[in-house]
Amino acid sequence: MMKKLWLLLLLCSWVSFAYAWPDWVINPKASAGEIAAVGIGNTPAEAKQNALADMTLQLTANVVVQQSQSLHANNGNSQSSFTQNSQVSSLALSFQGVEQRRTVEQAEQIAIELVANKQIIAKQITAEIYHLLAEQPQTTANCFAAALRLNRARINTLNSVLTVLEYPTQTPAINHALQQQQQCLALYRVRLIGAREVQDIAAAAMAHLPELGTTEVWFKPQLRWATAKQNGQVMQRATFRFDFTESAAPYRSLLAGQLQVISHASDETTARNNAKQRLIELLRQPVSEWLHVDVENNR
């Protein structure tokens, strides 16, 4: 009996040893100036995706990761490079230059370690901040469109990532741009004009639009529907077009765009109501968040 127990313990010890991950998988460590992340999956693609998600989580939270892979040859050796697109709420970050350092396979699973240079990521983020601030609004009669486009939530989040990377932030330039934005919007008063159905949807946007200035701007929305049947369900596509125009001659368009929502349901009424609700949810966000957004709702 004791011999069998000893053999069982020996077997369990051997199995545990055989399937133990190396230390770099359990406790990933990065060199100075790098971010290191490890992902485990049933396939290499799954492991890489999990590693990229872990890498992004080191900078922020609530991340959904999308990844693309390309292969190239260097001196006869095949190498991998990855581009990561991470969605943080409404914030999309693109990190390039991610390299694969190590890989190991255990118990039909694969672990992959990815590393990225903090400085490269920080420079990419800084460049995007500069791009977003390039058209910062000025307190003139032509600042309306630029002020609405300026996405303060995205800019501030990007700036916070620079802090995590221990890289110089752009806080002074950002504060100046946001101050200019507020000064510009204070000049305007937006008035909603349109049919009742469209007004009920567009009213969600009014909370983020200026209403105390002396220069009136018309917010003119339009709504178009397209219906089709797919796999026994009704598809409703709502195209919400909008135009901010001057309220006096020459009635120039200051800013225009559209949102498109697709909803599926068992009947046309439900599909249409779902699409309307999704539009309202989008329009409750700041204008810079929903300009030129295409959203598909499959529920």
Protein backbone atom coordinates (compact mmCIF):
# COMPACT_ATOMS: atom_id res chain seq x y z
CA MET A 1 0.00 0.00 0.00
CA MET A 2 2.78 2.40 0.94
CA LYS A 3 4.63 1.51 -2.25
CA LYS A 4 1.55 2.34 -4.36
CA LEU A 5 1.07 5.63 -2.51
CA TRP A 6 4.72 6.52 -3.04
CA LEU A 7 4.43 5.73 -6.76
CA LEU A 8 1.25 7.84 -6.98
CA LEU A 9 2.95 10.80 -5.29
CA LEU A 10 5.96 10.40 -7.56
CA LEU A 11 3.72 10.32 -10.63
CA CYS A 12 1.82 13.44 -9.51
CA SER A 13 5.11 15.21 -8.85
CA TRP A 14 6.39 14.27 -12.31
CA VAL A 15 3.17 15.42 -14.01
CA SER A 16 3.28 18.71 -12.12
CA PHE A 17 6.90 19.23 -13.09
CA ALA A 18 6.29 18.24 -16.70
CA TYR A 19 3.50 20.77 -17.17
CA ALA A 20 4.96 23.62 -15.12
CA TRP A 21 5.39 26.87 -17.03
CA PRO A 22 8.83 28.49 -16.93
CA ASP A 23 9.31 31.49 -14.67
CA TRP A 24 9.10 34.04 -17.51
CA VAL A 25 5.50 32.92 -18.13
CA ILE A 26 4.41 33.09 -14.50
CA ASN A 27 6.36 36.26 -13.62
CA PRO A 28 7.03 38.23 -16.81
CA LYS A 29 9.70 40.88 -16.35
CA ALA A 30 10.56 43.74 -18.65
CA SER A 31 13.91 45.34 -19.19
CA ALA A 32 14.31 49.07 -18.63
CA GLY A 33 12.38 51.02 -21.24
CA GLU A 34 10.24 48.06 -22.31
CA ILE A 35 6.80 46.62 -21.73
CA ALA A 36 6.67 42.83 -21.53
CA ALA A 37 3.49 40.75 -21.64
CA VAL A 38 2.70 37.04 -21.81
CA GLY A 39 -0.36 35.39 -23.28
CA ILE A 40 -1.45 31.76 -23.07
CA GLY A 41 -3.81 30.17 -25.56
CA ASN A 42 -4.75 27.04 -27.40
CA THR A 43 -3.26 28.43 -30.62
CA PRO A 44 -0.41 30.84 -31.38
CA ALA A 45 -2.90 33.46 -32.59
CA GLU A 46 -4.91 33.21 -29.37
CA ALA A 47 -1.77 33.41 -27.24
CA LYS A 48 -0.55 36.51 -29.12
CA GLN A 49 -3.93 38.18 -28.79
CA ASN A 50 -3.96 37.53 -25.04
CA ALA A 51 -0.41 38.86 -24.73
CA LEU A 52 -1.37 42.02 -26.59
CA ALA A 53 -4.38 42.46 -24.33
CA ASP A 54 -2.18 42.06 -21.27
CA MET A 55 0.30 44.59 -22.66
CA THR A 56 -2.44 47.12 -23.22
CA LEU A 57 -3.91 46.54 -19.78
CA GLN A 58 -0.63 47.71 -18.34
CA LEU A 59 -1.39 51.14 -19.80
CA THR A 60 -5.13 51.34 -19.26
CA ALA A 61 -8.20 49.19 -18.58
CA ASN A 62 -11.43 47.86 -20.16
CA VAL A 63 -9.71 46.86 -23.35
CA VAL A 64 -10.93 44.92 -26.35
CA VAL A 65 -8.02 43.96 -28.58
CA GLN A 66 -7.83 43.45 -32.31
CA GLN A 67 -4.59 42.25 -33.87
CA SER A 68 -3.06 41.91 -37.31
CA GLN A 69 0.10 39.99 -38.12
CA SER A 70 2.62 40.29 -40.91
CA LEU A 71 5.65 38.13 -41.68
CA HIS A 72 8.84 39.30 -43.35
CA ALA A 73 12.28 37.87 -44.01
CA ASN A 74 15.46 39.41 -42.67
CA ASN A 75 18.78 37.89 -43.72
CA GLY A 76 17.05 34.65 -44.51
CA ASN A 77 15.26 34.47 -41.13
CA SER A 78 11.51 34.76 -40.88
CA GLN A 79 10.42 37.33 -38.31
CA SER A 80 7.04 38.41 -37.00
CA SER A 81 5.75 41.90 -36.41
CA PHE A 82 2.39 42.87 -34.99
CA THR A 83 0.08 45.84 -35.08
CA GLN A 84 -2.31 46.16 -32.16
CA ASN A 85 -5.53 48.11 -32.22
CA SER A 86 -6.94 48.41 -28.71
CA GLN A 87 -10.37 49.77 -27.95
CA VAL A 88 -10.65 51.54 -24.60
CA SER A 89 -14.27 52.61 -24.34
CA SER A 90 -14.31 55.02 -27.29
CA LEU A 91 -10.53 55.32 -27.36
CA ALA A 92 -8.60 53.42 -30.03
CA LEU A 93 -4.85 53.11 -29.59
CA SER A 94 -2.48 51.74 -32.21
CA PHE A 95 0.81 50.25 -31.00
CA GLN A 96 3.39 49.19 -33.56
CA GLY A 97 6.80 47.61 -33.20
CA VAL A 98 5.65 44.84 -30.87
CA GLU A 99 8.12 41.93 -31.06
CA GLN A 100 7.88 38.31 -30.07
CA ARG A 101 10.66 37.31 -27.67
CA ARG A 102 9.92 33.76 -26.45
CA THR A 103 7.42 30.96 -26.84
CA VAL A 104 6.86 27.66 -25.07
CA GLU A 105 4.29 24.89 -25.36
CA GLN A 106 2.90 22.89 -22.45
CA ALA A 107 -0.10 20.55 -22.13
CA GLU A 108 -1.44 21.46 -25.57
CA GLN A 109 -1.28 25.17 -24.75
CA ILE A 110 1.11 27.84 -25.99
CA ALA A 111 2.63 30.75 -24.09
CA ILE A 112 4.10 33.70 -25.97
CA GLU A 113 6.03 36.66 -24.60
CA LEU A 114 5.79 39.98 -26.45
CA VAL A 115 7.87 43.08 -25.78
CA ALA A 116 7.48 46.68 -26.91
CA ASN A 117 9.67 49.73 -26.59
CA LYS A 118 8.04 52.34 -24.36
CA GLN A 119 9.69 55.19 -26.23
CA ILE A 120 8.27 54.05 -29.57
CA ILE A 121 4.77 53.83 -28.11
CA ALA A 122 5.14 57.20 -26.38
CA LYS A 123 6.29 58.88 -29.60
CA GLN A 124 3.30 57.47 -31.47
CA ILE A 125 0.91 58.74 -28.81
CA THR A 126 2.59 62.14 -28.69
CA ALA A 127 2.32 62.42 -32.47
CA GLU A 128 -1.40 61.67 -32.29
CA ILE A 129 -1.91 64.30 -29.61
CA TYR A 130 -0.12 66.86 -31.79
CA HIS A 131 -2.34 65.84 -34.70
CA LEU A 132 -5.50 66.26 -32.63
CA LEU A 133 -4.33 69.67 -31.42
CA ALA A 134 -3.22 70.84 -34.87
CA GLU A 135 -6.61 72.39 -35.61
CA GLN A 136 -7.24 73.74 -32.14
CA PRO A 137 -10.10 76.25 -32.23
CA GLN A 138 -9.41 79.94 -32.14
CA THR A 139 -11.83 82.50 -30.75
CA THR A 140 -12.95 83.73 -34.15
CA ALA A 141 -16.09 83.44 -36.23
CA ASN A 142 -14.67 80.35 -37.98
CA CYS A 143 -13.86 78.28 -34.89
CA PHE A 144 -17.18 76.45 -34.46
CA ALA A 145 -16.40 73.25 -36.40
CA ALA A 146 -12.91 72.89 -34.94
CA ALA A 147 -14.24 73.38 -31.41
CA LEU A 148 -16.81 70.62 -31.82
CA ARG A 149 -14.27 68.26 -33.36
CA LEU A 150 -11.76 68.68 -30.54
CA ASN A 151 -12.03 65.43 -28.59
CA ARG A 152 -11.00 66.30 -25.06
CA ALA A 153 -11.74 62.81 -23.67
CA ARG A 154 -9.43 61.15 -26.17
CA ILE A 155 -6.68 63.73 -25.76
CA ASN A 156 -6.73 63.51 -21.97
CA THR A 157 -6.66 59.71 -22.04
CA LEU A 158 -3.73 59.68 -24.44
CA ASN A 159 -1.94 62.11 -22.17
CA SER A 160 -2.54 59.85 -19.17
CA VAL A 161 -0.94 56.95 -21.07
CA LEU A 162 2.19 59.08 -21.47
CA THR A 163 2.28 59.38 -17.68
CA VAL A 164 2.17 55.60 -17.32
CA LEU A 165 5.00 55.34 -19.85
CA GLU A 166 6.99 57.89 -17.81
CA TYR A 167 7.23 60.09 -20.88
CA PRO A 168 6.79 63.90 -20.98
CA THR A 169 3.10 64.81 -21.15
CA GLN A 170 1.54 67.52 -23.28
CA THR A 171 -0.56 69.03 -20.50
CA PRO A 172 0.22 72.75 -21.17
CA ALA A 173 -0.66 72.48 -24.87
CA ILE A 174 -3.79 70.48 -24.06
CA ASN A 175 -4.99 72.95 -21.44
CA HIS A 176 -4.47 75.82 -23.89
CA ALA A 177 -6.48 74.03 -26.60
CA LEU A 178 -9.32 73.20 -24.21
CA GLN A 179 -9.44 76.79 -23.02
CA GLN A 180 -9.66 77.98 -26.61
CA GLN A 181 -12.43 75.44 -27.23
CA GLN A 182 -14.54 76.77 -24.36
CA GLN A 183 -13.99 80.39 -25.40
CA CYS A 184 -15.09 79.56 -28.94
CA LEU A 185 -18.21 77.60 -28.01
CA ALA A 186 -19.28 80.39 -25.66
CA LEU A 187 -19.84 82.54 -28.75
CA TYR A 188 -22.55 80.26 -30.16
CA ARG A 189 -26.13 79.22 -29.53
CA VAL A 190 -27.32 76.04 -31.30
CA ARG A 191 -30.97 75.68 -32.30
CA LEU A 192 -32.44 72.32 -33.26
CA ILE A 193 -34.50 72.39 -36.47
CA GLY A 194 -36.22 69.40 -38.05
CA ALA A 195 -39.21 67.08 -38.15
CA ARG A 196 -40.65 65.82 -34.85
CA GLU A 197 -39.28 62.27 -35.16
CA VAL A 198 -35.81 63.53 -35.94
CA GLN A 199 -35.95 66.14 -33.18
CA ASP A 200 -36.77 63.49 -30.58
CA ILE A 201 -33.57 61.64 -31.50
CA ALA A 202 -31.35 64.69 -32.04
CA ALA A 203 -32.44 66.23 -28.72
CA ALA A 204 -30.02 63.83 -27.02
CA ALA A 205 -27.13 65.76 -28.55
CA MET A 206 -28.24 69.15 -27.30
CA ALA A 207 -26.74 68.65 -23.84
CA HIS A 208 -23.28 68.84 -25.43
CA LEU A 209 -23.99 71.80 -27.71
CA PRO A 210 -23.61 75.48 -26.77
CA GLU A 211 -26.79 77.41 -26.06
CA LEU A 212 -25.80 80.70 -24.41
CA GLY A 213 -23.86 82.57 -27.10
CA THR A 214 -25.06 85.41 -29.28
CA THR A 215 -24.39 83.79 -32.68
CA GLU A 216 -27.13 81.31 -33.60
CA VAL A 217 -26.31 78.12 -35.50
CA TRP A 218 -28.94 75.73 -36.86
CA PHE A 219 -28.60 72.02 -36.12
CA LYS A 220 -30.52 70.35 -38.95
CA PRO A 221 -30.83 66.54 -38.75
CA GLN A 222 -32.37 64.14 -41.29
CA LEU A 223 -33.26 60.47 -40.87
CA ARG A 224 -33.47 57.89 -43.66
CA TRP A 225 -34.54 54.26 -43.30
CA ALA A 226 -33.73 51.17 -45.33
CA THR A 227 -35.47 47.83 -44.70
CA ALA A 228 -34.52 44.31 -45.72
CA LYS A 229 -35.10 40.72 -44.60
CA GLN A 230 -32.14 38.54 -43.68
CA ASN A 231 -32.31 34.96 -42.39
CA GLY A 232 -35.90 35.31 -41.25
CA GLN A 233 -35.29 38.63 -39.49
CA VAL A 234 -36.01 42.22 -40.39
CA MET A 235 -33.04 44.52 -40.87
CA GLN A 236 -33.47 48.26 -40.33
CA ARG A 237 -30.69 50.62 -41.33
CA ALA A 238 -31.03 54.14 -39.97
CA THR A 239 -28.91 56.84 -41.57
CA PHE A 240 -28.82 59.97 -39.43
CA ARG A 241 -27.45 62.94 -41.36
CA PHE A 242 -26.78 66.26 -39.69
CA ASP A 243 -25.67 69.71 -40.73
CA PHE A 244 -24.70 72.70 -38.61
CA THR A 245 -25.38 75.82 -40.68
CA GLU A 246 -25.35 79.55 -40.24
CA SER A 247 -28.74 81.03 -39.37
CA ALA A 248 -28.19 84.05 -41.59
CA ALA A 249 -27.12 84.62 -45.19
CA PRO A 250 -25.19 83.08 -46.86
CA TYR A 251 -26.33 80.10 -44.68
CA ARG A 252 -23.01 78.30 -44.98
CA SER A 253 -22.59 74.76 -43.72
CA LEU A 254 -20.15 74.81 -40.79
CA LEU A 255 -20.04 71.09 -40.06
CA ALA A 256 -21.80 68.07 -41.55
CA GLY A 257 -21.68 64.31 -41.13
CA GLN A 258 -23.71 61.20 -40.58
CA LEU A 259 -24.24 58.22 -38.28
CA GLN A 260 -25.41 54.83 -39.50
CA VAL A 261 -26.95 52.16 -37.28
CA ILE A 262 -28.10 48.69 -38.33
CA SER A 263 -30.53 46.73 -36.17
CA HIS A 264 -31.98 43.22 -36.59
CA ALA A 265 -35.19 41.96 -34.96
CA SER A 266 -38.09 39.62 -35.59
CA ASP A 267 -40.32 42.47 -36.76
CA GLU A 268 -39.90 45.88 -38.35
CA THR A 269 -41.20 47.91 -35.40
CA THR A 270 -38.79 46.35 -32.90
CA ALA A 271 -35.85 46.70 -35.28
CA ARG A 272 -36.67 50.36 -35.87
CA ASN A 273 -37.09 51.12 -32.17
CA ASN A 274 -33.76 49.42 -31.40
CA ALA A 275 -32.04 51.51 -34.08
CA LYS A 276 -33.56 54.71 -32.68
CA GLN A 277 -32.40 53.86 -29.18
CA ARG A 278 -28.86 53.16 -30.39
CA LEU A 279 -28.78 56.51 -32.17
CA ILE A 280 -29.92 58.26 -29.00
CA GLU A 281 -27.16 56.51 -27.01
CA LEU A 282 -24.57 57.69 -29.53
CA LEU A 283 -25.84 61.25 -29.62
CA ARG A 284 -25.66 61.52 -25.84
CA GLN A 285 -21.88 61.53 -26.20
CA PRO A 286 -19.90 64.68 -27.10
CA VAL A 287 -20.10 65.57 -30.79
CA SER A 288 -16.42 64.74 -31.32
CA GLU A 289 -17.20 61.16 -30.21
CA TRP A 290 -19.86 60.46 -32.81
CA LEU A 291 -18.67 62.39 -35.85
CA HIS A 292 -18.36 59.99 -38.80
CA VAL A 293 -19.10 56.89 -36.74
CA ASP A 294 -20.54 53.74 -38.32
CA VAL A 295 -22.18 51.39 -35.84
CA GLU A 296 -23.79 48.01 -36.49
CA ASN A 297 -26.23 46.72 -33.91
CA ASN A 298 -27.10 43.07 -34.53
CA ARG A 299 -29.55 42.61 -31.69
